[in-house]
Amino acid sequence: MRTPPHAPAVRYPCGRSPAVGWALAIVAAAALAGMAAWLALGTADADMAVKAAAGLGLWLSCAAAAWLWWRRMPMGYLAWDGGQWLLDCGAHGPGPVQGRPHVHLDLQGCLLLSVRPLRGRPSWLWLERRSDPVQWAALRRAVYSPARSKAPDPAEATDAAPPALDGGITTKT
């Protein structure tokens, strides 16, 4: 049986997307407007201050968490060399991180990925076709193709071929 072809090497830029930043800002503004409407239409005067403080605190913490998530998105390159994945943030990060990306959302023109290193927290990436339209198809092939590492897995190497019992002579059946 022929082995499937593996995706070619690709290097794709990643960074903070202005579109994602605007989408988060719009969601935060809509949530603030909803909270204001909730306070104006559905509360009594006696407990309005408590509800306003709780609602504003919750909104502020959610908006801050979304802003921090967006600001901490790695800026650099996601690279596939045919055997391993590497997230290289250059001067913006701690150094190259090796880890396989996992697709969480695929909108055909955009991908939300997480790259989990061997140790530490995952890095979240929002990749868009417009960052490098020429390499977009190669990136998608690489993300969805089965990874073949350069060094064989020891467990697979021992399970792949049982030892020959007849002095190394194999017969076709």
Protein backbone atom coordinates (compact mmCIF):
# COMPACT_ATOMS: atom_id res chain seq x y z
CA MET A 1 0.00 0.00 0.00
CA ARG A 2 1.29 3.43 -0.91
CA THR A 3 1.80 5.90 1.93
CA PRO A 4 -0.13 9.16 1.58
CA PRO A 5 1.89 12.17 0.49
CA HIS A 6 2.71 14.57 3.26
CA ALA A 7 2.19 18.29 3.15
CA PRO A 8 5.06 20.41 1.86
CA ALA A 9 7.02 22.69 4.13
CA VAL A 10 5.29 25.99 4.86
CA ARG A 11 6.01 29.11 6.89
CA TYR A 12 2.96 31.23 7.68
CA PRO A 13 2.80 34.60 9.46
CA CYS A 14 0.76 34.90 12.64
CA GLY A 15 -0.11 37.83 14.86
CA ARG A 16 -2.89 39.89 16.35
CA SER A 17 -5.71 40.33 13.90
CA PRO A 18 -7.37 43.76 13.80
CA ALA A 19 -10.62 42.04 12.77
CA VAL A 20 -10.60 39.92 15.93
CA GLY A 21 -9.80 43.00 18.02
CA TRP A 22 -12.75 44.88 16.52
CA ALA A 23 -15.05 41.87 16.97
CA LEU A 24 -14.08 41.65 20.66
CA ALA A 25 -14.66 45.41 21.08
CA ILE A 26 -18.11 45.16 19.46
CA VAL A 27 -19.09 42.22 21.68
CA ALA A 28 -17.88 44.13 24.77
CA ALA A 29 -19.86 47.24 23.74
CA ALA A 30 -22.98 45.15 23.12
CA ALA A 31 -22.59 43.50 26.52
CA LEU A 32 -22.23 46.90 28.18
CA ALA A 33 -25.36 48.16 26.39
CA GLY A 34 -27.26 45.03 27.45
CA MET A 35 -26.19 45.50 31.03
CA ALA A 36 -27.28 49.14 30.95
CA ALA A 37 -30.68 48.12 29.57
CA TRP A 38 -30.98 45.43 32.23
CA LEU A 39 -30.26 47.97 34.94
CA ALA A 40 -32.61 50.57 33.50
CA LEU A 41 -35.57 48.28 32.87
CA GLY A 42 -35.40 45.47 35.34
CA THR A 43 -34.25 46.67 38.74
CA ALA A 44 -35.75 48.33 41.77
CA ASP A 45 -34.19 51.50 43.18
CA ALA A 46 -33.23 49.87 46.47
CA ASP A 47 -30.77 47.34 45.06
CA MET A 48 -29.75 49.17 41.87
CA ALA A 49 -26.32 50.16 43.20
CA VAL A 50 -25.45 46.57 44.14
CA LYS A 51 -26.60 45.20 40.79
CA ALA A 52 -24.83 47.97 38.90
CA ALA A 53 -21.57 47.34 40.75
CA ALA A 54 -21.80 43.57 40.23
CA GLY A 55 -22.72 43.92 36.55
CA LEU A 56 -20.03 46.50 35.87
CA GLY A 57 -17.43 44.41 37.67
CA LEU A 58 -18.36 41.30 35.70
CA TRP A 59 -18.35 43.22 32.41
CA LEU A 60 -15.00 44.83 33.21
CA SER A 61 -13.37 41.50 34.09
CA CYS A 62 -14.72 39.80 30.93
CA ALA A 63 -13.65 42.71 28.71
CA ALA A 64 -10.18 42.77 30.31
CA ALA A 65 -9.79 39.00 29.87
CA ALA A 66 -10.74 39.26 26.17
CA TRP A 67 -8.34 42.18 25.64
CA LEU A 68 -5.48 40.32 27.35
CA TRP A 69 -6.16 37.20 25.28
CA TRP A 70 -5.98 39.29 22.11
CA ARG A 71 -2.83 41.17 23.21
CA ARG A 72 -1.02 37.93 24.14
CA MET A 73 -1.51 36.32 20.74
CA PRO A 74 1.95 35.38 19.46
CA MET A 75 3.41 37.42 16.63
CA GLY A 76 5.82 35.67 14.30
CA TYR A 77 5.64 32.57 12.12
CA LEU A 78 4.13 29.12 12.33
CA ALA A 79 6.37 26.77 10.37
CA TRP A 80 6.01 23.17 9.18
CA ASP A 81 9.23 21.63 7.85
CA GLY A 82 7.70 18.33 6.79
CA GLY A 83 8.49 16.64 10.11
CA GLN A 84 7.69 19.02 12.93
CA TRP A 85 5.82 22.22 13.76
CA LEU A 86 7.58 25.27 15.13
CA LEU A 87 6.07 28.51 16.42
CA ASP A 88 8.75 31.19 16.08
CA CYS A 89 7.90 34.52 17.70
CA GLY A 90 11.32 36.06 17.08
CA ALA A 91 12.06 38.98 19.40
CA HIS A 92 8.42 39.11 20.57
CA GLY A 93 8.52 35.82 22.46
CA PRO A 94 10.60 33.44 24.52
CA GLY A 95 11.99 31.62 21.50
CA PRO A 96 10.87 28.92 19.08
CA VAL A 97 8.24 26.56 20.49
CA GLN A 98 7.78 23.06 19.14
CA GLY A 99 4.26 21.68 19.23
CA ARG A 100 1.51 20.40 16.96
CA PRO A 101 -1.33 22.85 16.23
CA HIS A 102 -4.89 21.80 17.02
CA VAL A 103 -7.73 23.29 14.99
CA HIS A 104 -10.56 24.69 17.13
CA LEU A 105 -12.41 26.69 14.48
CA ASP A 106 -12.14 26.52 10.70
CA LEU A 107 -13.98 29.20 8.71
CA GLN A 108 -12.19 28.34 5.43
CA GLY A 109 -10.62 31.82 5.26
CA CYS A 110 -9.61 31.87 8.95
CA LEU A 111 -8.31 29.31 11.42
CA LEU A 112 -8.29 29.39 15.21
CA LEU A 113 -5.46 27.12 16.38
CA SER A 114 -3.78 26.31 19.65
CA VAL A 115 -0.17 25.17 19.78
CA ARG A 116 0.64 23.26 22.94
CA PRO A 117 4.35 22.95 23.72
CA LEU A 118 5.76 20.01 25.65
CA ARG A 119 5.69 22.17 28.78
CA GLY A 120 3.69 25.25 29.54
CA ARG A 121 0.47 26.84 28.38
CA PRO A 122 -0.84 26.65 24.83
CA SER A 123 -0.46 29.58 22.47
CA TRP A 124 -3.59 30.61 20.57
CA LEU A 125 -3.30 31.68 16.95
CA TRP A 126 -5.84 33.33 14.67
CA LEU A 127 -4.62 32.81 11.11
CA GLU A 128 -6.21 34.55 8.13
CA ARG A 129 -5.90 33.84 4.43
CA ARG A 130 -5.16 37.51 3.69
CA SER A 131 -1.89 37.31 5.69
CA ASP A 132 -0.32 35.20 2.92
CA PRO A 133 -2.83 34.06 0.25
CA VAL A 134 -0.18 32.15 -1.70
CA GLN A 135 0.72 29.91 1.27
CA TRP A 136 -2.85 29.50 2.63
CA ALA A 137 -3.63 26.22 0.84
CA ALA A 138 -0.26 24.74 1.86
CA LEU A 139 -0.87 25.74 5.48
CA ARG A 140 -4.30 24.08 5.49
CA ARG A 141 -2.87 20.89 3.97
CA ALA A 142 -0.13 20.82 6.59
CA VAL A 143 -2.49 21.46 9.50
CA TYR A 144 -4.83 18.65 8.47
CA SER A 145 -2.25 16.13 7.25
CA PRO A 146 -1.03 13.41 9.60
CA ALA A 147 2.28 14.44 11.11
CA ARG A 148 5.27 12.27 10.39
CA SER A 149 8.14 13.03 12.69
CA LYS A 150 11.70 12.79 11.46
CA ALA A 151 12.62 10.38 14.25
CA PRO A 152 10.44 7.27 14.42
CA ASP A 153 8.49 6.65 17.58
CA PRO A 154 10.17 3.81 19.51
CA ALA A 155 6.81 2.17 20.27
CA GLU A 156 5.86 2.17 16.58
CA ALA A 157 9.26 0.86 15.53
CA THR A 158 8.98 -2.20 17.78
CA ASP A 159 5.36 -2.92 16.87
CA ALA A 160 5.77 -2.41 13.14
CA ALA A 161 7.79 -5.52 12.26
CA PRO A 162 7.88 -8.64 14.41
CA PRO A 163 11.24 -10.38 14.64
CA ALA A 164 11.86 -13.03 12.04
CA LEU A 165 11.81 -16.55 13.48
CA ASP A 166 13.17 -18.35 10.43
CA GLY A 167 16.69 -16.89 10.36
CA GLY A 168 15.69 -13.70 8.57
CA ILE A 169 14.15 -15.38 5.51
CA THR A 170 10.76 -14.00 4.66
CA THR A 171 8.20 -15.68 2.45
CA LYS A 172 5.42 -14.09 0.45
CA THR A 173 1.96 -15.36 1.17
